């Protein structure tokens, strides 16, 4: 953490301590809650984890498609 970051945190902490406006504090809390949720690791279902593991095994075996092959496959699915 840089010195500038530490100073900014200290400044914000001091300013927040002096705020009595509940609506403003709630807004700050909402922003911080949103930020912490956006960096949290996504929660995957057991099915999703298994599908990811299967995909990784396929990749390690060389079972992949080029972009062109994938585009052709999607075109066939969409166009019947």
PDB file of N, CA and C in Angstrom:
ATOM      1  N   UNK A   1       0.847  -1.170   0.000  1.00  0.00           N
ATOM      2  CA  UNK A   1       0.000   0.000   0.000  1.00  0.00           C
ATOM      3  C   UNK A   1       0.897   1.238   0.000  1.00  0.00           C
ATOM      4  N   UNK A   2       0.660   2.124  -0.914  1.00  0.00           N
ATOM      5  CA  UNK A   2       1.490   3.321  -1.018  1.00  0.00           C
ATOM      6  C   UNK A   2       1.145   4.313   0.094  1.00  0.00           C
ATOM      7  N   UNK A   3       2.077   5.203   0.334  1.00  0.00           N
ATOM      8  CA  UNK A   3       1.854   6.242   1.343  1.00  0.00           C
ATOM      9  C   UNK A   3       0.624   7.075   0.988  1.00  0.00           C
ATOM     10  N   UNK A   4       0.465   7.353  -0.301  1.00  0.00           N
ATOM     11  CA  UNK A   4      -0.688   8.132  -0.738  1.00  0.00           C
ATOM     12  C   UNK A   4      -2.000   7.420  -0.389  1.00  0.00           C
ATOM     13  N   UNK A   5      -2.028   6.104  -0.556  1.00  0.00           N
ATOM     14  CA  UNK A   5      -3.226   5.329  -0.225  1.00  0.00           C
ATOM     15  C   UNK A   5      -3.505   5.401   1.269  1.00  0.00           C
ATOM     16  N   UNK A   6      -2.470   5.263   2.082  1.00  0.00           N
ATOM     17  CA  UNK A   6      -2.646   5.344   3.535  1.00  0.00           C
ATOM     18  C   UNK A   6      -3.175   6.717   3.939  1.00  0.00           C
ATOM     19  N   UNK A   7      -2.606   7.748   3.338  1.00  0.00           N
ATOM     20  CA  UNK A   7      -3.047   9.109   3.656  1.00  0.00           C
ATOM     21  C   UNK A   7      -4.504   9.315   3.254  1.00  0.00           C
ATOM     22  N   UNK A   8      -4.868   8.795   2.100  1.00  0.00           N
ATOM     23  CA  UNK A   8      -6.241   8.929   1.627  1.00  0.00           C
ATOM     24  C   UNK A   8      -7.209   8.208   2.561  1.00  0.00           C
ATOM     25  N   UNK A   9      -6.837   7.016   3.001  1.00  0.00           N
ATOM     26  CA  UNK A   9      -7.694   6.277   3.930  1.00  0.00           C
ATOM     27  C   UNK A   9      -7.869   7.046   5.235  1.00  0.00           C
ATOM     28  N   UNK A  10      -6.782   7.596   5.726  1.00  0.00           N
ATOM     29  CA  UNK A  10      -6.850   8.373   6.964  1.00  0.00           C
ATOM     30  C   UNK A  10      -7.758   9.586   6.789  1.00  0.00           C
ATOM     31  N   UNK A  11      -7.590  10.288   5.682  1.00  0.00           N
ATOM     32  CA  UNK A  11      -8.416  11.462   5.398  1.00  0.00           C
ATOM     33  C   UNK A  11      -9.897  11.086   5.315  1.00  0.00           C
ATOM     34  N   UNK A  12     -10.185  10.012   4.584  1.00  0.00           N
ATOM     35  CA  UNK A  12     -11.581   9.577   4.447  1.00  0.00           C
ATOM     36  C   UNK A  12     -12.168   9.177   5.798  1.00  0.00           C
ATOM     37  N   UNK A  13     -11.389   8.468   6.574  1.00  0.00           N
ATOM     38  CA  UNK A  13     -11.855   8.048   7.896  1.00  0.00           C
ATOM     39  C   UNK A  13     -12.202   9.266   8.746  1.00  0.00           C
ATOM     40  N   UNK A  14     -11.323  10.248   8.746  1.00  0.00           N
ATOM     41  CA  UNK A  14     -11.565  11.465   9.525  1.00  0.00           C
ATOM     42  C   UNK A  14     -12.811  12.194   9.034  1.00  0.00           C
ATOM     43  N   UNK A  15     -12.970  12.288   7.734  1.00  0.00           N
ATOM     44  CA  UNK A  15     -14.124  13.012   7.179  1.00  0.00           C
ATOM     45  C   UNK A  15     -15.422  12.273   7.481  1.00  0.00           C
ATOM     46  N   UNK A  16     -15.388  10.959   7.367  1.00  0.00           N
ATOM     47  CA  UNK A  16     -16.591  10.167   7.654  1.00  0.00           C
ATOM     48  C   UNK A  16     -16.978  10.303   9.126  1.00  0.00           C
ATOM     49  N   UNK A  17     -15.988  10.318  10.004  1.00  0.00           N
ATOM     50  CA  UNK A  17     -16.258  10.474  11.437  1.00  0.00           C
ATOM     51  C   UNK A  17     -17.010  11.767  11.736  1.00  0.00           C
ATOM     52  N   UNK A  18     -16.831  12.778  10.911  1.00  0.00           N
ATOM     53  CA  UNK A  18     -17.451  14.082  11.153  1.00  0.00           C
ATOM     54  C   UNK A  18     -18.773  14.282  10.415  1.00  0.00           C
ATOM     55  N   UNK A  19     -19.246  13.267   9.721  1.00  0.00           N
ATOM     56  CA  UNK A  19     -20.510  13.375   8.984  1.00  0.00           C
ATOM     57  C   UNK A  19     -21.658  12.928   9.886  1.00  0.00           C
ATOM     58  N   UNK A  20     -22.674  13.772   9.980  1.00  0.00           N
ATOM     59  CA  UNK A  20     -23.870  13.431  10.754  1.00  0.00           C
ATOM     60  C   UNK A  20     -25.079  13.164   9.861  1.00  0.00           C
ATOM     61  N   UNK A  21     -24.917  13.365   8.581  1.00  0.00           N
ATOM     62  CA  UNK A  21     -25.998  13.177   7.614  1.00  0.00           C
ATOM     63  C   UNK A  21     -26.170  11.681   7.346  1.00  0.00           C
ATOM     64  N   UNK A  22     -27.241  11.122   7.905  1.00  0.00           N
ATOM     65  CA  UNK A  22     -27.454   9.677   7.792  1.00  0.00           C
ATOM     66  C   UNK A  22     -27.626   9.231   6.341  1.00  0.00           C
ATOM     67  N   UNK A  23     -28.289  10.049   5.546  1.00  0.00           N
ATOM     68  CA  UNK A  23     -28.497   9.699   4.138  1.00  0.00           C
ATOM     69  C   UNK A  23     -27.159   9.618   3.395  1.00  0.00           C
ATOM     70  N   UNK A  24     -26.284  10.569   3.650  1.00  0.00           N
ATOM     71  CA  UNK A  24     -24.963  10.549   3.016  1.00  0.00           C
ATOM     72  C   UNK A  24     -24.162   9.335   3.475  1.00  0.00           C
ATOM     73  N   UNK A  25     -24.214   9.038   4.760  1.00  0.00           N
ATOM     74  CA  UNK A  25     -23.501   7.863   5.279  1.00  0.00           C
ATOM     75  C   UNK A  25     -24.045   6.580   4.648  1.00  0.00           C
ATOM     76  N   UNK A  26     -25.359   6.511   4.488  1.00  0.00           N
ATOM     77  CA  UNK A  26     -25.967   5.337   3.851  1.00  0.00           C
ATOM     78  C   UNK A  26     -25.508   5.217   2.404  1.00  0.00           C
ATOM     79  N   UNK A  27     -25.384   6.344   1.710  1.00  0.00           N
ATOM     80  CA  UNK A  27     -24.907   6.342   0.325  1.00  0.00           C
ATOM     81  C   UNK A  27     -23.472   5.833   0.253  1.00  0.00           C
ATOM     82  N   UNK A  28     -22.630   6.308   1.159  1.00  0.00           N
ATOM     83  CA  UNK A  28     -21.235   5.849   1.203  1.00  0.00           C
ATOM     84  C   UNK A  28     -21.197   4.349   1.482  1.00  0.00           C
ATOM     85  N   UNK A  29     -22.026   3.899   2.418  1.00  0.00           N
ATOM     86  CA  UNK A  29     -22.074   2.465   2.740  1.00  0.00           C
ATOM     87  C   UNK A  29     -22.493   1.645   1.525  1.00  0.00           C
ATOM     88  N   UNK A  30     -23.491   2.127   0.795  1.00  0.00           N
ATOM     89  CA  UNK A  30     -23.959   1.428  -0.404  1.00  0.00           C
ATOM     90  C   UNK A  30     -22.844   1.311  -1.435  1.00  0.00           C
ATOM     91  N   UNK A  31     -22.109   2.393  -1.627  1.00  0.00           N
ATOM     92  CA  UNK A  31     -20.986   2.371  -2.578  1.00  0.00           C
ATOM     93  C   UNK A  31     -19.939   1.357  -2.140  1.00  0.00           C
ATOM     94  N   UNK A  32     -19.597   1.373  -0.864  1.00  0.00           N
ATOM     95  CA  UNK A  32     -18.581   0.445  -0.360  1.00  0.00           C
ATOM     96  C   UNK A  32     -19.068  -1.001  -0.421  1.00  0.00           C
ATOM     97  N   UNK A  33     -20.342  -1.215  -0.101  1.00  0.00           N
ATOM     98  CA  UNK A  33     -20.901  -2.570  -0.191  1.00  0.00           C
ATOM     99  C   UNK A  33     -20.839  -3.077  -1.623  1.00  0.00           C
ATOM    100  N   UNK A  34     -21.203  -2.217  -2.560  1.00  0.00           N
ATOM    101  CA  UNK A  34     -21.177  -2.607  -3.973  1.00  0.00           C
ATOM    102  C   UNK A  34     -19.755  -2.943  -4.410  1.00  0.00           C
ATOM    103  N   UNK A  35     -18.800  -2.147  -3.986  1.00  0.00           N
ATOM    104  CA  UNK A  35     -17.401  -2.373  -4.364  1.00  0.00           C
ATOM    105  C   UNK A  35     -16.911  -3.696  -3.802  1.00  0.00           C
ATOM    106  N   UNK A  36     -17.244  -4.001  -2.563  1.00  0.00           N
ATOM    107  CA  UNK A  36     -16.764  -5.247  -1.967  1.00  0.00           C
ATOM    108  C   UNK A  36     -17.429  -6.456  -2.615  1.00  0.00           C
ATOM    109  N   UNK A  37     -18.666  -6.305  -3.079  1.00  0.00           N
ATOM    110  CA  UNK A  37     -19.341  -7.404  -3.764  1.00  0.00           C
ATOM    111  C   UNK A  37     -18.748  -7.643  -5.136  1.00  0.00           C
ATOM    112  N   UNK A  38     -18.332  -6.572  -5.803  1.00  0.00           N
ATOM    113  CA  UNK A  38     -17.832  -6.722  -7.166  1.00  0.00           C
ATOM    114  C   UNK A  38     -16.457  -7.366  -7.214  1.00  0.00           C
ATOM    115  N   UNK A  39     -15.703  -7.338  -6.120  1.00  0.00           N
ATOM    116  CA  UNK A  39     -14.389  -7.968  -6.122  1.00  0.00           C
ATOM    117  C   UNK A  39     -14.411  -9.328  -5.438  1.00  0.00           C
ATOM    118  N   UNK A  40     -15.534  -9.684  -4.867  1.00  0.00           N
ATOM    119  CA  UNK A  40     -15.636 -10.981  -4.214  1.00  0.00           C
ATOM    120  C   UNK A  40     -15.582 -12.092  -5.253  1.00  0.00           C
ATOM    121  N   UNK A  41     -15.027 -13.205  -4.847  1.00  0.00           N
ATOM    122  CA  UNK A  41     -14.949 -14.353  -5.743  1.00  0.00           C
ATOM    123  C   UNK A  41     -16.357 -14.867  -6.016  1.00  0.00           C
ATOM    124  N   UNK A  42     -16.656 -15.150  -7.264  1.00  0.00           N
ATOM    125  CA  UNK A  42     -18.008 -15.610  -7.576  1.00  0.00           C
ATOM    126  C   UNK A  42     -18.304 -16.962  -6.920  1.00  0.00           C
ATOM    127  N   UNK A  43     -19.537 -17.131  -6.509  1.00  0.00           N
ATOM    128  CA  UNK A  43     -19.962 -18.388  -5.918  1.00  0.00           C
ATOM    129  C   UNK A  43     -20.501 -19.283  -7.027  1.00  0.00           C
ATOM    130  N   UNK A  44     -19.881 -20.431  -7.202  1.00  0.00           N
ATOM    131  CA  UNK A  44     -20.285 -21.351  -8.255  1.00  0.00           C
ATOM    132  C   UNK A  44     -21.050 -22.520  -7.664  1.00  0.00           C
ATOM    133  N   UNK A  45     -21.988 -23.031  -8.435  1.00  0.00           N
ATOM    134  CA  UNK A  45     -22.698 -24.232  -8.011  1.00  0.00           C
ATOM    135  C   UNK A  45     -21.784 -25.435  -8.230  1.00  0.00           C
ATOM    136  N   UNK A  46     -22.148 -26.542  -7.628  1.00  0.00           N
ATOM    137  CA  UNK A  46     -21.368 -27.767  -7.808  1.00  0.00           C
ATOM    138  C   UNK A  46     -21.332 -28.161  -9.286  1.00  0.00           C
ATOM    139  N   UNK A  47     -22.457 -27.994  -9.968  1.00  0.00           N
ATOM    140  CA  UNK A  47     -22.530 -28.308 -11.395  1.00  0.00           C
ATOM    141  C   UNK A  47     -21.554 -27.444 -12.187  1.00  0.00           C
ATOM    142  N   UNK A  48     -21.511 -26.148 -11.881  1.00  0.00           N
ATOM    143  CA  UNK A  48     -20.607 -25.248 -12.595  1.00  0.00           C
ATOM    144  C   UNK A  48     -19.147 -25.630 -12.368  1.00  0.00           C
ATOM    145  N   UNK A  49     -18.809 -25.971 -11.135  1.00  0.00           N
ATOM    146  CA  UNK A  49     -17.434 -26.377 -10.820  1.00  0.00           C
ATOM    147  C   UNK A  49     -17.069 -27.627 -11.613  1.00  0.00           C
ATOM    148  N   UNK A  50     -17.984 -28.601 -11.673  1.00  0.00           N
ATOM    149  CA  UNK A  50     -17.720 -29.833 -12.422  1.00  0.00           C
ATOM    150  C   UNK A  50     -17.546 -29.552 -13.908  1.00  0.00           C
ATOM    151  N   UNK A  51     -18.363 -28.657 -14.456  1.00  0.00           N
ATOM    152  CA  UNK A  51     -18.248 -28.310 -15.882  1.00  0.00           C
ATOM    153  C   UNK A  51     -16.917 -27.620 -16.173  1.00  0.00           C
ATOM    154  N   UNK A  52     -16.483 -26.763 -15.274  1.00  0.00           N
ATOM    155  CA  UNK A  52     -15.191 -26.092 -15.449  1.00  0.00           C
ATOM    156  C   UNK A  52     -14.059 -27.106 -15.398  1.00  0.00           C
ATOM    157  N   UNK A  53     -14.120 -28.035 -14.453  1.00  0.00           N
ATOM    158  CA  UNK A  53     -13.090 -29.073 -14.356  1.00  0.00           C
ATOM    159  C   UNK A  53     -13.060 -29.921 -15.625  1.00  0.00           C
ATOM    160  N   UNK A  54     -14.236 -30.275 -16.137  1.00  0.00           N
ATOM    161  CA  UNK A  54     -14.313 -31.059 -17.371  1.00  0.00           C
ATOM    162  C   UNK A  54     -13.712 -30.278 -18.536  1.00  0.00           C
ATOM    163  N   UNK A  55     -14.015 -28.995 -18.614  1.00  0.00           N
ATOM    164  CA  UNK A  55     -13.475 -28.158 -19.690  1.00  0.00           C
ATOM    165  C   UNK A  55     -11.956 -28.068 -19.603  1.00  0.00           C
ATOM    166  N   UNK A  56     -11.426 -27.943 -18.397  1.00  0.00           N
ATOM    167  CA  UNK A  56      -9.968 -27.882 -18.222  1.00  0.00           C
ATOM    168  C   UNK A  56      -9.313 -29.186 -18.673  1.00  0.00           C
ATOM    169  N   UNK A  57      -9.956 -30.311 -18.358  1.00  0.00           N
ATOM    170  CA  UNK A  57      -9.410 -31.607 -18.804  1.00  0.00           C
ATOM    171  C   UNK A  57      -9.422 -31.691 -20.326  1.00  0.00           C
ATOM    172  N   UNK A  58     -10.503 -31.235 -20.940  1.00  0.00           N
ATOM    173  CA  UNK A  58     -10.590 -31.243 -22.406  1.00  0.00           C
ATOM    174  C   UNK A  58      -9.492 -30.389 -23.020  1.00  0.00           C
ATOM    175  N   UNK A  59      -9.261 -29.229 -22.457  1.00  0.00           N
ATOM    176  CA  UNK A  59      -8.212 -28.343 -22.973  1.00  0.00           C
ATOM    177  C   UNK A  59      -6.850 -28.997 -22.848  1.00  0.00           C
ATOM    178  N   UNK A  60      -6.593 -29.638 -21.701  1.00  0.00           N
ATOM    179  CA  UNK A  60      -5.280 -30.264 -21.511  1.00  0.00           C
ATOM    180  C   UNK A  60      -5.062 -31.431 -22.471  1.00  0.00           C
ATOM    181  N   UNK A  61      -6.151 -32.021 -22.974  1.00  0.00           N
ATOM    182  CA  UNK A  61      -6.051 -33.103 -23.962  1.00  0.00           C
ATOM    183  C   UNK A  61      -5.997 -32.563 -25.385  1.00  0.00           C
ATOM    184  N   UNK A  62      -6.067 -31.257 -25.522  1.00  0.00           N
ATOM    185  CA  UNK A  62      -6.037 -30.660 -26.850  1.00  0.00           C
ATOM    186  C   UNK A  62      -7.376 -30.672 -27.554  1.00  0.00           C
ATOM    187  N   UNK A  63      -8.427 -30.932 -26.818  1.00  0.00           N
ATOM    188  CA  UNK A  63      -9.769 -30.978 -27.400  1.00  0.00           C
ATOM    189  C   UNK A  63     -10.344 -29.562 -27.440  1.00  0.00           C
ATOM    190  N   UNK A  64      -9.881 -28.796 -28.409  1.00  0.00           N
ATOM    191  CA  UNK A  64     -10.314 -27.406 -28.531  1.00  0.00           C
ATOM    192  C   UNK A  64     -10.740 -27.116 -29.962  1.00  0.00           C
ATOM    193  N   UNK A  65     -11.362 -25.973 -30.160  1.00  0.00           N
ATOM    194  CA  UNK A  65     -11.759 -25.517 -31.485  1.00  0.00           C
ATOM    195  C   UNK A  65     -11.073 -24.188 -31.774  1.00  0.00           C
ATOM    196  N   UNK A  66     -10.798 -23.949 -33.043  1.00  0.00           N
ATOM    197  CA  UNK A  66     -10.336 -22.622 -33.431  1.00  0.00           C
ATOM    198  C   UNK A  66     -11.539 -21.692 -33.409  1.00  0.00           C
ATOM    199  N   UNK A  67     -11.300 -20.395 -33.463  1.00  0.00           N
ATOM    200  CA  UNK A  67     -12.412 -19.443 -33.523  1.00  0.00           C
ATOM    201  C   UNK A  67     -13.280 -19.712 -34.743  1.00  0.00           C
ATOM    202  N   UNK A  68     -12.634 -20.015 -35.853  1.00  0.00           N
ATOM    203  CA  UNK A  68     -13.380 -20.278 -37.085  1.00  0.00           C
ATOM    204  C   UNK A  68     -14.272 -21.506 -36.923  1.00  0.00           C
ATOM    205  N   UNK A  69     -13.733 -22.579 -36.334  1.00  0.00           N
ATOM    206  CA  UNK A  69     -14.524 -23.787 -36.121  1.00  0.00           C
ATOM    207  C   UNK A  69     -15.706 -23.507 -35.187  1.00  0.00           C
ATOM    208  N   UNK A  70     -15.462 -22.734 -34.147  1.00  0.00           N
ATOM    209  CA  UNK A  70     -16.531 -22.404 -33.202  1.00  0.00           C
ATOM    210  C   UNK A  70     -17.611 -21.569 -33.887  1.00  0.00           C
ATOM    211  N   UNK A  71     -17.187 -20.605 -34.710  1.00  0.00           N
ATOM    212  CA  UNK A  71     -18.157 -19.785 -35.447  1.00  0.00           C
ATOM    213  C   UNK A  71     -19.013 -20.646 -36.365  1.00  0.00           C
ATOM    214  N   UNK A  72     -18.377 -21.589 -37.065  1.00  0.00           N
ATOM    215  CA  UNK A  72     -19.122 -22.473 -37.964  1.00  0.00           C
ATOM    216  C   UNK A  72     -20.117 -23.328 -37.187  1.00  0.00           C
ATOM    217  N   UNK A  73     -19.697 -23.824 -36.033  1.00  0.00           N
ATOM    218  CA  UNK A  73     -20.571 -24.643 -35.204  1.00  0.00           C
ATOM    219  C   UNK A  73     -21.783 -23.834 -34.728  1.00  0.00           C
ATOM    220  N   UNK A  74     -21.553 -22.626 -34.287  1.00  0.00           N
ATOM    221  CA  UNK A  74     -22.651 -21.766 -33.839  1.00  0.00           C
ATOM    222  C   UNK A  74     -23.588 -21.454 -35.003  1.00  0.00           C
ATOM    223  N   UNK A  75     -23.024 -21.175 -36.173  1.00  0.00           N
ATOM    224  CA  UNK A  75     -23.858 -20.912 -37.353  1.00  0.00           C
ATOM    225  C   UNK A  75     -24.759 -22.100 -37.660  1.00  0.00           C
ATOM    226  N   UNK A  76     -24.208 -23.312 -37.565  1.00  0.00           N
ATOM    227  CA  UNK A  76     -25.017 -24.512 -37.824  1.00  0.00           C
ATOM    228  C   UNK A  76     -26.130 -24.649 -36.788  1.00  0.00           C
ATOM    229  N   UNK A  77     -25.825 -24.367 -35.521  1.00  0.00           N
ATOM    230  CA  UNK A  77     -26.852 -24.446 -34.474  1.00  0.00           C
ATOM    231  C   UNK A  77     -27.968 -23.441 -34.734  1.00  0.00           C
ATOM    232  N   UNK A  78     -27.575 -22.227 -35.102  1.00  0.00           N
ATOM    233  CA  UNK A  78     -28.565 -21.167 -35.287  1.00  0.00           C
ATOM    234  C   UNK A  78     -29.390 -21.340 -36.555  1.00  0.00           C
ATOM    235  N   UNK A  79     -28.772 -21.893 -37.583  1.00  0.00           N
ATOM    236  CA  UNK A  79     -29.445 -22.014 -38.876  1.00  0.00           C
ATOM    237  C   UNK A  79     -30.024 -23.401 -39.127  1.00  0.00           C
ATOM    238  N   UNK A  80     -29.919 -24.257 -38.160  1.00  0.00           N
ATOM    239  CA  UNK A  80     -30.511 -25.585 -38.275  1.00  0.00           C
ATOM    240  C   UNK A  80     -29.780 -26.402 -39.219  1.00  0.00           C
TER     241      UNK A  80
END
